[in-house]
Amino acid sequence: MRKIGIFCVAAMIVMPALPSHAGPKLADLPPPPETPVQPTIKFKFNRPGYAYYPEKAMEDSAEGWAQIECIVLEKGRLDCKLLAETPEKYGFGAATLKFYRTVTVDLNKSGVKVGDRFIYVYRWTIS
């Protein structure tokens, strides 16, 4: 009779501890510039804002804000430009502009019409 031996090899991989990134939190940042009183605007979001969260900011758990100025175009589309952002190194301004290229304004339910301009502060937070 033939004997069969079974050998088990166990391997343990030890991963070095990942650095702990602690990016800035919204509460610790300077507040955005004050904006004039804006009309009530009903936005239509095609995708949630978190889908555009800057990768570096996500890695560092960083929060921030971006201030944009937008003009309302035909069919409620928006043409926006960046006015300010903080902290700058995380790309919150670019992410806000990318996000708002996909956003439209409901012209029937908002206090705005084609050609109107508004200033808006978008706050990026991690909860």
C-alpha atoms as a PDB file:
ATOM      1  CA  MET A   1       0.000   0.000   0.000  1.00  0.00           C
ATOM      2  CA  ARG A   2       1.235   3.457  -0.922  1.00  0.00           C
ATOM      3  CA  LYS A   3       1.322   6.316   1.578  1.00  0.00           C
ATOM      4  CA  ILE A   4       0.404   9.826   0.523  1.00  0.00           C
ATOM      5  CA  GLY A   5       1.769  12.718   2.461  1.00  0.00           C
ATOM      6  CA  ILE A   6       0.148  16.123   2.439  1.00  0.00           C
ATOM      7  CA  PHE A   7       2.268  19.095   3.268  1.00  0.00           C
ATOM      8  CA  CYS A   8       0.846  22.480   4.068  1.00  0.00           C
ATOM      9  CA  VAL A   9       2.895  25.578   3.740  1.00  0.00           C
ATOM     10  CA  ALA A  10       1.617  28.682   5.407  1.00  0.00           C
ATOM     11  CA  ALA A  11       2.931  32.047   4.453  1.00  0.00           C
ATOM     12  CA  MET A  12       2.302  35.279   6.176  1.00  0.00           C
ATOM     13  CA  ILE A  13       2.894  38.523   4.404  1.00  0.00           C
ATOM     14  CA  VAL A  14       3.611  41.424   6.658  1.00  0.00           C
ATOM     15  CA  MET A  15       2.657  44.776   5.200  1.00  0.00           C
ATOM     16  CA  PRO A  16       4.365  47.875   6.522  1.00  0.00           C
ATOM     17  CA  ALA A  17       2.028  50.301   8.215  1.00  0.00           C
ATOM     18  CA  LEU A  18       0.642  52.832   5.777  1.00  0.00           C
ATOM     19  CA  PRO A  19       1.329  56.451   6.607  1.00  0.00           C
ATOM     20  CA  SER A  20      -1.539  58.162   8.313  1.00  0.00           C
ATOM     21  CA  HIS A  21      -2.648  61.109   6.185  1.00  0.00           C
ATOM     22  CA  ALA A  22      -4.571  63.739   7.964  1.00  0.00           C
ATOM     23  CA  GLY A  23      -5.544  66.417   5.486  1.00  0.00           C
ATOM     24  CA  PRO A  24      -7.250  69.626   6.511  1.00  0.00           C
ATOM     25  CA  LYS A  25     -10.859  69.587   7.636  1.00  0.00           C
ATOM     26  CA  LEU A  26     -13.399  72.165   6.539  1.00  0.00           C
ATOM     27  CA  ALA A  27     -13.788  73.499  10.082  1.00  0.00           C
ATOM     28  CA  ASP A  28     -10.047  74.262  10.207  1.00  0.00           C
ATOM     29  CA  LEU A  29      -9.937  76.215   6.936  1.00  0.00           C
ATOM     30  CA  PRO A  30     -10.506  79.913   6.455  1.00  0.00           C
ATOM     31  CA  PRO A  31     -14.109  80.586   5.475  1.00  0.00           C
ATOM     32  CA  PRO A  32     -14.913  81.274   1.830  1.00  0.00           C
ATOM     33  CA  PRO A  33     -15.419  84.893   0.785  1.00  0.00           C
ATOM     34  CA  GLU A  34     -18.872  86.244   1.479  1.00  0.00           C
ATOM     35  CA  THR A  35     -21.132  86.120  -1.537  1.00  0.00           C
ATOM     36  CA  PRO A  36     -24.031  88.367  -2.377  1.00  0.00           C
ATOM     37  CA  VAL A  37     -27.493  87.068  -1.608  1.00  0.00           C
ATOM     38  CA  GLN A  38     -28.364  84.614  -4.365  1.00  0.00           C
ATOM     39  CA  PRO A  39     -31.744  83.643  -5.767  1.00  0.00           C
ATOM     40  CA  THR A  40     -33.131  80.253  -4.846  1.00  0.00           C
ATOM     41  CA  ILE A  41     -31.687  77.898  -7.423  1.00  0.00           C
ATOM     42  CA  LYS A  42     -33.029  74.412  -8.102  1.00  0.00           C
ATOM     43  CA  PHE A  43     -30.136  72.354  -9.482  1.00  0.00           C
ATOM     44  CA  LYS A  44     -30.448  69.088 -11.382  1.00  0.00           C
ATOM     45  CA  PHE A  45     -27.551  66.785 -10.556  1.00  0.00           C
ATOM     46  CA  ASN A  46     -26.726  64.035 -13.046  1.00  0.00           C
ATOM     47  CA  ARG A  47     -24.207  62.422 -10.691  1.00  0.00           C
ATOM     48  CA  PRO A  48     -23.573  63.012  -7.006  1.00  0.00           C
ATOM     49  CA  GLY A  49     -20.792  65.435  -6.136  1.00  0.00           C
ATOM     50  CA  TYR A  50     -18.768  62.810  -4.294  1.00  0.00           C
ATOM     51  CA  ALA A  51     -18.163  61.102  -7.653  1.00  0.00           C
ATOM     52  CA  TYR A  52     -15.882  64.075  -8.450  1.00  0.00           C
ATOM     53  CA  TYR A  53     -14.043  64.211  -5.109  1.00  0.00           C
ATOM     54  CA  PRO A  54     -10.367  64.904  -5.902  1.00  0.00           C
ATOM     55  CA  GLU A  55      -8.299  61.727  -5.617  1.00  0.00           C
ATOM     56  CA  LYS A  56      -5.449  63.304  -3.629  1.00  0.00           C
ATOM     57  CA  ALA A  57      -7.949  64.867  -1.224  1.00  0.00           C
ATOM     58  CA  MET A  58      -9.682  61.513  -0.787  1.00  0.00           C
ATOM     59  CA  GLU A  59      -6.357  59.790  -0.068  1.00  0.00           C
ATOM     60  CA  ASP A  60      -5.513  62.386   2.581  1.00  0.00           C
ATOM     61  CA  SER A  61      -9.077  62.680   3.939  1.00  0.00           C
ATOM     62  CA  ALA A  62      -8.845  66.384   3.151  1.00  0.00           C
ATOM     63  CA  GLU A  63     -11.824  68.720   2.975  1.00  0.00           C
ATOM     64  CA  GLY A  64     -12.097  72.088   1.282  1.00  0.00           C
ATOM     65  CA  TRP A  65     -14.243  74.495  -0.685  1.00  0.00           C
ATOM     66  CA  ALA A  66     -14.344  76.204  -4.054  1.00  0.00           C
ATOM     67  CA  GLN A  67     -16.104  79.416  -5.015  1.00  0.00           C
ATOM     68  CA  ILE A  68     -17.392  79.617  -8.595  1.00  0.00           C
ATOM     69  CA  GLU A  69     -19.215  82.183 -10.685  1.00  0.00           C
ATOM     70  CA  CYS A  70     -21.675  80.778 -13.199  1.00  0.00           C
ATOM     71  CA  ILE A  71     -23.781  82.161 -16.008  1.00  0.00           C
ATOM     72  CA  VAL A  72     -26.996  80.362 -16.909  1.00  0.00           C
ATOM     73  CA  LEU A  73     -27.108  79.219 -20.536  1.00  0.00           C
ATOM     74  CA  GLU A  74     -29.853  77.809 -22.741  1.00  0.00           C
ATOM     75  CA  LYS A  75     -31.593  74.715 -21.396  1.00  0.00           C
ATOM     76  CA  GLY A  76     -30.302  75.514 -17.913  1.00  0.00           C
ATOM     77  CA  ARG A  77     -26.688  74.576 -18.608  1.00  0.00           C
ATOM     78  CA  LEU A  78     -24.015  76.450 -16.674  1.00  0.00           C
ATOM     79  CA  ASP A  79     -20.783  78.100 -17.757  1.00  0.00           C
ATOM     80  CA  CYS A  80     -18.675  78.502 -14.625  1.00  0.00           C
ATOM     81  CA  LYS A  81     -15.293  79.902 -13.708  1.00  0.00           C
ATOM     82  CA  LEU A  82     -13.272  79.421 -10.546  1.00  0.00           C
ATOM     83  CA  LEU A  83     -12.962  82.422  -8.230  1.00  0.00           C
ATOM     84  CA  ALA A  84     -11.245  80.882  -5.197  1.00  0.00           C
ATOM     85  CA  GLU A  85     -10.457  77.554  -3.530  1.00  0.00           C
ATOM     86  CA  THR A  86      -8.798  76.271  -0.407  1.00  0.00           C
ATOM     87  CA  PRO A  87      -6.623  74.381   0.156  1.00  0.00           C
ATOM     88  CA  GLU A  88      -5.197  74.801  -3.319  1.00  0.00           C
ATOM     89  CA  LYS A  89      -3.012  71.699  -3.567  1.00  0.00           C
ATOM     90  CA  TYR A  90      -5.934  69.251  -3.568  1.00  0.00           C
ATOM     91  CA  GLY A  91      -7.770  70.276  -6.742  1.00  0.00           C
ATOM     92  CA  PHE A  92     -11.119  71.254  -5.239  1.00  0.00           C
ATOM     93  CA  GLY A  93     -11.506  74.069  -7.780  1.00  0.00           C
ATOM     94  CA  ALA A  94     -10.978  71.823 -10.808  1.00  0.00           C
ATOM     95  CA  ALA A  95     -13.271  69.171  -9.312  1.00  0.00           C
ATOM     96  CA  THR A  96     -16.017  71.743  -8.701  1.00  0.00           C
ATOM     97  CA  LEU A  97     -15.806  73.018 -12.276  1.00  0.00           C
ATOM     98  CA  LYS A  98     -15.884  69.462 -13.628  1.00  0.00           C
ATOM     99  CA  PHE A  99     -18.910  68.669 -11.468  1.00  0.00           C
ATOM    100  CA  TYR A 100     -20.820  71.815 -12.453  1.00  0.00           C
ATOM    101  CA  ARG A 101     -20.312  71.081 -16.165  1.00  0.00           C
ATOM    102  CA  THR A 102     -22.760  68.212 -15.588  1.00  0.00           C
ATOM    103  CA  VAL A 103     -25.245  70.226 -13.513  1.00  0.00           C
ATOM    104  CA  THR A 104     -28.221  72.083 -14.942  1.00  0.00           C
ATOM    105  CA  VAL A 105     -30.604  74.611 -13.441  1.00  0.00           C
ATOM    106  CA  ASP A 106     -34.319  73.958 -13.501  1.00  0.00           C
ATOM    107  CA  LEU A 107     -35.444  77.183 -15.175  1.00  0.00           C
ATOM    108  CA  ASN A 108     -39.091  76.500 -14.326  1.00  0.00           C
ATOM    109  CA  LYS A 109     -38.516  76.052 -10.586  1.00  0.00           C
ATOM    110  CA  SER A 110     -35.609  78.433  -9.968  1.00  0.00           C
ATOM    111  CA  GLY A 111     -35.391  82.134  -9.471  1.00  0.00           C
ATOM    112  CA  VAL A 112     -32.990  82.453 -12.416  1.00  0.00           C
ATOM    113  CA  LYS A 113     -33.279  82.830 -16.175  1.00  0.00           C
ATOM    114  CA  VAL A 114     -30.915  82.482 -19.129  1.00  0.00           C
ATOM    115  CA  GLY A 115     -28.139  85.077 -18.863  1.00  0.00           C
ATOM    116  CA  ASP A 116     -28.274  85.411 -15.066  1.00  0.00           C
ATOM    117  CA  ARG A 117     -25.020  85.115 -13.133  1.00  0.00           C
ATOM    118  CA  PHE A 118     -24.559  83.783  -9.645  1.00  0.00           C
ATOM    119  CA  ILE A 119     -21.715  83.053  -7.254  1.00  0.00           C
ATOM    120  CA  TYR A 120     -21.764  79.768  -5.392  1.00  0.00           C
ATOM    121  CA  VAL A 121     -19.537  78.099  -2.812  1.00  0.00           C
ATOM    122  CA  TYR A 122     -19.330  74.326  -3.014  1.00  0.00           C
ATOM    123  CA  ARG A 123     -18.063  72.669   0.164  1.00  0.00           C
ATOM    124  CA  TRP A 124     -16.288  69.320  -0.109  1.00  0.00           C
ATOM    125  CA  THR A 125     -16.573  67.230   3.040  1.00  0.00           C
ATOM    126  CA  ILE A 126     -15.936  63.654   4.041  1.00  0.00           C
ATOM    127  CA  SER A 127     -18.456  62.176   6.426  1.00  0.00           C
END
